[in-house]
Amino acid sequence: MKELIIAFGLFLFIEGILYALFPAKMRNMLRKLELIKDSQLRTGGLVFAIIGFVIIYYLKN
């Protein structure tokens, strides 16, 4: 459980740094997300989730 909290904190830190350092670029990127189809976002999210799972699996073993 401690690792999950650390991972969430790291996620928030990285997101916060990106918005703090590049606010205009992040806003532009969010506007571009509206142009992407839901199916493409879903596929991309699934791919990243699988990659993340594989990384965690190999690091824990």
PDB file of N, CA and C in Angstrom:
ATOM      1  N   MET A   1       0.819  -1.195   0.000  1.00  0.00           N
ATOM      2  CA  MET A   1       0.000   0.000   0.000  1.00  0.00           C
ATOM      3  C   MET A   1       0.863   1.258   0.000  1.00  0.00           C
ATOM      4  N   LYS A   2       1.996   1.176   0.681  1.00  0.00           N
ATOM      5  CA  LYS A   2       2.899   2.324   0.742  1.00  0.00           C
ATOM      6  C   LYS A   2       3.418   2.679  -0.648  1.00  0.00           C
ATOM      7  N   GLU A   3       3.726   1.649  -1.469  1.00  0.00           N
ATOM      8  CA  GLU A   3       4.213   1.892  -2.820  1.00  0.00           C
ATOM      9  C   GLU A   3       3.163   2.586  -3.671  1.00  0.00           C
ATOM     10  N   LEU A   4       1.905   2.229  -3.482  1.00  0.00           N
ATOM     11  CA  LEU A   4       0.819   2.856  -4.236  1.00  0.00           C
ATOM     12  C   LEU A   4       0.712   4.342  -3.902  1.00  0.00           C
ATOM     13  N   ILE A   5       0.836   4.681  -2.647  1.00  0.00           N
ATOM     14  CA  ILE A   5       0.785   6.078  -2.230  1.00  0.00           C
ATOM     15  C   ILE A   5       1.989   6.842  -2.777  1.00  0.00           C
ATOM     16  N   ILE A   6       3.162   6.219  -2.765  1.00  0.00           N
ATOM     17  CA  ILE A   6       4.361   6.852  -3.324  1.00  0.00           C
ATOM     18  C   ILE A   6       4.184   7.061  -4.831  1.00  0.00           C
ATOM     19  N   ALA A   7       3.658   6.070  -5.524  1.00  0.00           N
ATOM     20  CA  ALA A   7       3.436   6.188  -6.967  1.00  0.00           C
ATOM     21  C   ALA A   7       2.450   7.302  -7.279  1.00  0.00           C
ATOM     22  N   PHE A   8       1.397   7.415  -6.496  1.00  0.00           N
ATOM     23  CA  PHE A   8       0.415   8.481  -6.702  1.00  0.00           C
ATOM     24  C   PHE A   8       1.041   9.850  -6.447  1.00  0.00           C
ATOM     25  N   GLY A   9       1.848   9.940  -5.416  1.00  0.00           N
ATOM     26  CA  GLY A   9       2.547  11.190  -5.137  1.00  0.00           C
ATOM     27  C   GLY A   9       3.497  11.573  -6.257  1.00  0.00           C
ATOM     28  N   LEU A  10       4.197  10.588  -6.813  1.00  0.00           N
ATOM     29  CA  LEU A  10       5.097  10.841  -7.936  1.00  0.00           C
ATOM     30  C   LEU A  10       4.318  11.303  -9.165  1.00  0.00           C
ATOM     31  N   PHE A  11       3.181  10.689  -9.404  1.00  0.00           N
ATOM     32  CA  PHE A  11       2.322  11.094 -10.508  1.00  0.00           C
ATOM     33  C   PHE A  11       1.891  12.557 -10.359  1.00  0.00           C
ATOM     34  N   LEU A  12       1.422  12.925  -9.171  1.00  0.00           N
ATOM     35  CA  LEU A  12       1.010  14.308  -8.923  1.00  0.00           C
ATOM     36  C   LEU A  12       2.181  15.275  -9.066  1.00  0.00           C
ATOM     37  N   PHE A  13       3.347  14.882  -8.593  1.00  0.00           N
ATOM     38  CA  PHE A  13       4.535  15.724  -8.705  1.00  0.00           C
ATOM     39  C   PHE A  13       4.885  15.991 -10.173  1.00  0.00           C
ATOM     40  N   ILE A  14       4.918  14.933 -10.975  1.00  0.00           N
ATOM     41  CA  ILE A  14       5.278  15.082 -12.383  1.00  0.00           C
ATOM     42  C   ILE A  14       4.245  15.934 -13.117  1.00  0.00           C
ATOM     43  N   GLU A  15       2.955  15.680 -12.877  1.00  0.00           N
ATOM     44  CA  GLU A  15       1.913  16.482 -13.501  1.00  0.00           C
ATOM     45  C   GLU A  15       2.028  17.943 -13.088  1.00  0.00           C
ATOM     46  N   GLY A  16       2.244  18.185 -11.828  1.00  0.00           N
ATOM     47  CA  GLY A  16       2.354  19.554 -11.333  1.00  0.00           C
ATOM     48  C   GLY A  16       3.535  20.289 -11.931  1.00  0.00           C
ATOM     49  N   ILE A  17       4.669  19.604 -12.040  1.00  0.00           N
ATOM     50  CA  ILE A  17       5.864  20.221 -12.625  1.00  0.00           C
ATOM     51  C   ILE A  17       5.616  20.584 -14.085  1.00  0.00           C
ATOM     52  N   LEU A  18       4.967  19.702 -14.825  1.00  0.00           N
ATOM     53  CA  LEU A  18       4.696  19.990 -16.237  1.00  0.00           C
ATOM     54  C   LEU A  18       3.818  21.224 -16.391  1.00  0.00           C
ATOM     55  N   TYR A  19       2.770  21.332 -15.581  1.00  0.00           N
ATOM     56  CA  TYR A  19       1.891  22.498 -15.660  1.00  0.00           C
ATOM     57  C   TYR A  19       2.590  23.758 -15.164  1.00  0.00           C
ATOM     58  N   ALA A  20       3.479  23.634 -14.197  1.00  0.00           N
ATOM     59  CA  ALA A  20       4.190  24.801 -13.670  1.00  0.00           C
ATOM     60  C   ALA A  20       5.240  25.310 -14.656  1.00  0.00           C
ATOM     61  N   LEU A  21       5.940  24.398 -15.324  1.00  0.00           N
ATOM     62  CA  LEU A  21       7.012  24.802 -16.232  1.00  0.00           C
ATOM     63  C   LEU A  21       6.521  25.176 -17.630  1.00  0.00           C
ATOM     64  N   PHE A  22       5.480  24.497 -18.101  1.00  0.00           N
ATOM     65  CA  PHE A  22       5.004  24.696 -19.473  1.00  0.00           C
ATOM     66  C   PHE A  22       3.486  24.913 -19.521  1.00  0.00           C
ATOM     67  N   PRO A  23       2.951  25.950 -18.886  1.00  0.00           N
ATOM     68  CA  PRO A  23       1.498  26.109 -18.850  1.00  0.00           C
ATOM     69  C   PRO A  23       0.868  26.298 -20.225  1.00  0.00           C
ATOM     70  N   ALA A  24       1.491  27.079 -21.088  1.00  0.00           N
ATOM     71  CA  ALA A  24       0.909  27.317 -22.415  1.00  0.00           C
ATOM     72  C   ALA A  24       0.918  26.041 -23.258  1.00  0.00           C
ATOM     73  N   LYS A  25       2.008  25.288 -23.201  1.00  0.00           N
ATOM     74  CA  LYS A  25       2.090  24.046 -23.980  1.00  0.00           C
ATOM     75  C   LYS A  25       1.096  23.003 -23.463  1.00  0.00           C
ATOM     76  N   MET A  26       0.918  22.954 -22.145  1.00  0.00           N
ATOM     77  CA  MET A  26      -0.041  21.990 -21.585  1.00  0.00           C
ATOM     78  C   MET A  26      -1.468  22.359 -21.997  1.00  0.00           C
ATOM     79  N   ARG A  27      -1.797  23.641 -21.998  1.00  0.00           N
ATOM     80  CA  ARG A  27      -3.129  24.091 -22.411  1.00  0.00           C
ATOM     81  C   ARG A  27      -3.349  23.744 -23.885  1.00  0.00           C
ATOM     82  N   ASN A  28      -2.327  23.965 -24.710  1.00  0.00           N
ATOM     83  CA  ASN A  28      -2.416  23.641 -26.131  1.00  0.00           C
ATOM     84  C   ASN A  28      -2.605  22.139 -26.327  1.00  0.00           C
ATOM     85  N   MET A  29      -1.897  21.342 -25.558  1.00  0.00           N
ATOM     86  CA  MET A  29      -2.025  19.894 -25.662  1.00  0.00           C
ATOM     87  C   MET A  29      -3.443  19.442 -25.280  1.00  0.00           C
ATOM     88  N   LEU A  30      -4.003  20.051 -24.238  1.00  0.00           N
ATOM     89  CA  LEU A  30      -5.359  19.684 -23.829  1.00  0.00           C
ATOM     90  C   LEU A  30      -6.386  20.060 -24.892  1.00  0.00           C
ATOM     91  N   ARG A  31      -6.164  21.159 -25.586  1.00  0.00           N
ATOM     92  CA  ARG A  31      -7.063  21.525 -26.692  1.00  0.00           C
ATOM     93  C   ARG A  31      -6.999  20.491 -27.808  1.00  0.00           C
ATOM     94  N   LYS A  32      -5.812  19.989 -28.092  1.00  0.00           N
ATOM     95  CA  LYS A  32      -5.643  18.997 -29.154  1.00  0.00           C
ATOM     96  C   LYS A  32      -6.314  17.673 -28.799  1.00  0.00           C
ATOM     97  N   LEU A  33      -6.470  17.388 -27.516  1.00  0.00           N
ATOM     98  CA  LEU A  33      -7.122  16.141 -27.108  1.00  0.00           C
ATOM     99  C   LEU A  33      -8.571  16.081 -27.586  1.00  0.00           C
ATOM    100  N   GLU A  34      -9.206  17.239 -27.745  1.00  0.00           N
ATOM    101  CA  GLU A  34     -10.594  17.266 -28.210  1.00  0.00           C
ATOM    102  C   GLU A  34     -10.717  16.741 -29.638  1.00  0.00           C
ATOM    103  N   LEU A  35      -9.644  16.796 -30.408  1.00  0.00           N
ATOM    104  CA  LEU A  35      -9.675  16.368 -31.804  1.00  0.00           C
ATOM    105  C   LEU A  35      -9.478  14.866 -31.963  1.00  0.00           C
ATOM    106  N   ILE A  36      -9.048  14.193 -30.911  1.00  0.00           N
ATOM    107  CA  ILE A  36      -8.776  12.755 -30.977  1.00  0.00           C
ATOM    108  C   ILE A  36     -10.052  11.982 -30.658  1.00  0.00           C
ATOM    109  N   LYS A  37     -10.305  10.946 -31.428  1.00  0.00           N
ATOM    110  CA  LYS A  37     -11.499  10.119 -31.218  1.00  0.00           C
ATOM    111  C   LYS A  37     -11.396   9.358 -29.904  1.00  0.00           C
ATOM    112  N   ASP A  38     -12.557   9.064 -29.320  1.00  0.00           N
ATOM    113  CA  ASP A  38     -12.601   8.318 -28.060  1.00  0.00           C
ATOM    114  C   ASP A  38     -11.923   6.959 -28.180  1.00  0.00           C
ATOM    115  N   SER A  39     -12.119   6.301 -29.306  1.00  0.00           N
ATOM    116  CA  SER A  39     -11.529   4.971 -29.485  1.00  0.00           C
ATOM    117  C   SER A  39      -9.995   5.048 -29.492  1.00  0.00           C
ATOM    118  N   GLN A  40      -9.440   6.114 -30.061  1.00  0.00           N
ATOM    119  CA  GLN A  40      -7.990   6.278 -30.068  1.00  0.00           C
ATOM    120  C   GLN A  40      -7.470   6.546 -28.659  1.00  0.00           C
ATOM    121  N   LEU A  41      -8.188   7.372 -27.899  1.00  0.00           N
ATOM    122  CA  LEU A  41      -7.797   7.637 -26.514  1.00  0.00           C
ATOM    123  C   LEU A  41      -7.873   6.366 -25.674  1.00  0.00           C
ATOM    124  N   ARG A  42      -8.931   5.600 -25.888  1.00  0.00           N
ATOM    125  CA  ARG A  42      -9.105   4.358 -25.136  1.00  0.00           C
ATOM    126  C   ARG A  42      -7.980   3.373 -25.456  1.00  0.00           C
ATOM    127  N   THR A  43      -7.635   3.236 -26.735  1.00  0.00           N
ATOM    128  CA  THR A  43      -6.560   2.337 -27.139  1.00  0.00           C
ATOM    129  C   THR A  43      -5.229   2.791 -26.556  1.00  0.00           C
ATOM    130  N   GLY A  44      -4.947   4.080 -26.651  1.00  0.00           N
ATOM    131  CA  GLY A  44      -3.702   4.606 -26.087  1.00  0.00           C
ATOM    132  C   GLY A  44      -3.621   4.393 -24.593  1.00  0.00           C
ATOM    133  N   GLY A  45      -4.733   4.636 -23.896  1.00  0.00           N
ATOM    134  CA  GLY A  45      -4.759   4.417 -22.454  1.00  0.00           C
ATOM    135  C   GLY A  45      -4.528   2.966 -22.095  1.00  0.00           C
ATOM    136  N   LEU A  46      -5.127   2.066 -22.853  1.00  0.00           N
ATOM    137  CA  LEU A  46      -4.944   0.637 -22.601  1.00  0.00           C
ATOM    138  C   LEU A  46      -3.498   0.219 -22.842  1.00  0.00           C
ATOM    139  N   VAL A  47      -2.894   0.729 -23.903  1.00  0.00           N
ATOM    140  CA  VAL A  47      -1.492   0.402 -24.205  1.00  0.00           C
ATOM    141  C   VAL A  47      -0.584   0.879 -23.067  1.00  0.00           C
ATOM    142  N   PHE A  48      -0.782   2.114 -22.608  1.00  0.00           N
ATOM    143  CA  PHE A  48       0.049   2.632 -21.523  1.00  0.00           C
ATOM    144  C   PHE A  48      -0.198   1.883 -20.216  1.00  0.00           C
ATOM    145  N   ALA A  49      -1.438   1.479 -19.973  1.00  0.00           N
ATOM    146  CA  ALA A  49      -1.728   0.709 -18.767  1.00  0.00           C
ATOM    147  C   ALA A  49      -1.011  -0.640 -18.802  1.00  0.00           C
ATOM    148  N   ILE A  50      -1.009  -1.286 -19.954  1.00  0.00           N
ATOM    149  CA  ILE A  50      -0.326  -2.578 -20.089  1.00  0.00           C
ATOM    150  C   ILE A  50       1.179  -2.401 -19.928  1.00  0.00           C
ATOM    151  N   ILE A  51       1.738  -1.362 -20.551  1.00  0.00           N
ATOM    152  CA  ILE A  51       3.179  -1.106 -20.406  1.00  0.00           C
ATOM    153  C   ILE A  51       3.521  -0.855 -18.945  1.00  0.00           C
ATOM    154  N   GLY A  52       2.712  -0.062 -18.263  1.00  0.00           N
ATOM    155  CA  GLY A  52       2.938   0.201 -16.845  1.00  0.00           C
ATOM    156  C   GLY A  52       2.858  -1.058 -16.010  1.00  0.00           C
ATOM    157  N   PHE A  53       1.891  -1.913 -16.306  1.00  0.00           N
ATOM    158  CA  PHE A  53       1.750  -3.167 -15.576  1.00  0.00           C
ATOM    159  C   PHE A  53       2.977  -4.053 -15.778  1.00  0.00           C
ATOM    160  N   VAL A  54       3.452  -4.140 -17.019  1.00  0.00           N
ATOM    161  CA  VAL A  54       4.620  -4.973 -17.317  1.00  0.00           C
ATOM    162  C   VAL A  54       5.853  -4.448 -16.577  1.00  0.00           C
ATOM    163  N   ILE A  55       6.038  -3.136 -16.569  1.00  0.00           N
ATOM    164  CA  ILE A  55       7.172  -2.548 -15.850  1.00  0.00           C
ATOM    165  C   ILE A  55       7.092  -2.875 -14.370  1.00  0.00           C
ATOM    166  N   ILE A  56       5.930  -2.689 -13.775  1.00  0.00           N
ATOM    167  CA  ILE A  56       5.752  -2.978 -12.346  1.00  0.00           C
ATOM    168  C   ILE A  56       5.970  -4.462 -12.077  1.00  0.00           C
ATOM    169  N   TYR A  57       5.439  -5.321 -12.939  1.00  0.00           N
ATOM    170  CA  TYR A  57       5.577  -6.764 -12.754  1.00  0.00           C
ATOM    171  C   TYR A  57       7.046  -7.181 -12.735  1.00  0.00           C
ATOM    172  N   TYR A  58       7.815  -6.668 -13.706  1.00  0.00           N
ATOM    173  CA  TYR A  58       9.236  -7.034 -13.765  1.00  0.00           C
ATOM    174  C   TYR A  58      10.058  -6.427 -12.647  1.00  0.00           C
ATOM    175  N   LEU A  59       9.696  -5.261 -12.186  1.00  0.00           N
ATOM    176  CA  LEU A  59      10.425  -4.647 -11.076  1.00  0.00           C
ATOM    177  C   LEU A  59      10.139  -5.336  -9.749  1.00  0.00           C
ATOM    178  N   LYS A  60       8.942  -5.856  -9.579  1.00  0.00           N
ATOM    179  CA  LYS A  60       8.579  -6.524  -8.327  1.00  0.00           C
ATOM    180  C   LYS A  60       9.120  -7.949  -8.251  1.00  0.00           C
ATOM    181  N   ASN A  61       9.485  -8.530  -9.390  1.00  0.00           N
ATOM    182  CA  ASN A  61       9.996  -9.922  -9.397  1.00  0.00           C
ATOM    183  C   ASN A  61      11.478  -9.979  -9.505  1.00  0.00           C
TER     184      ASN A  61
END
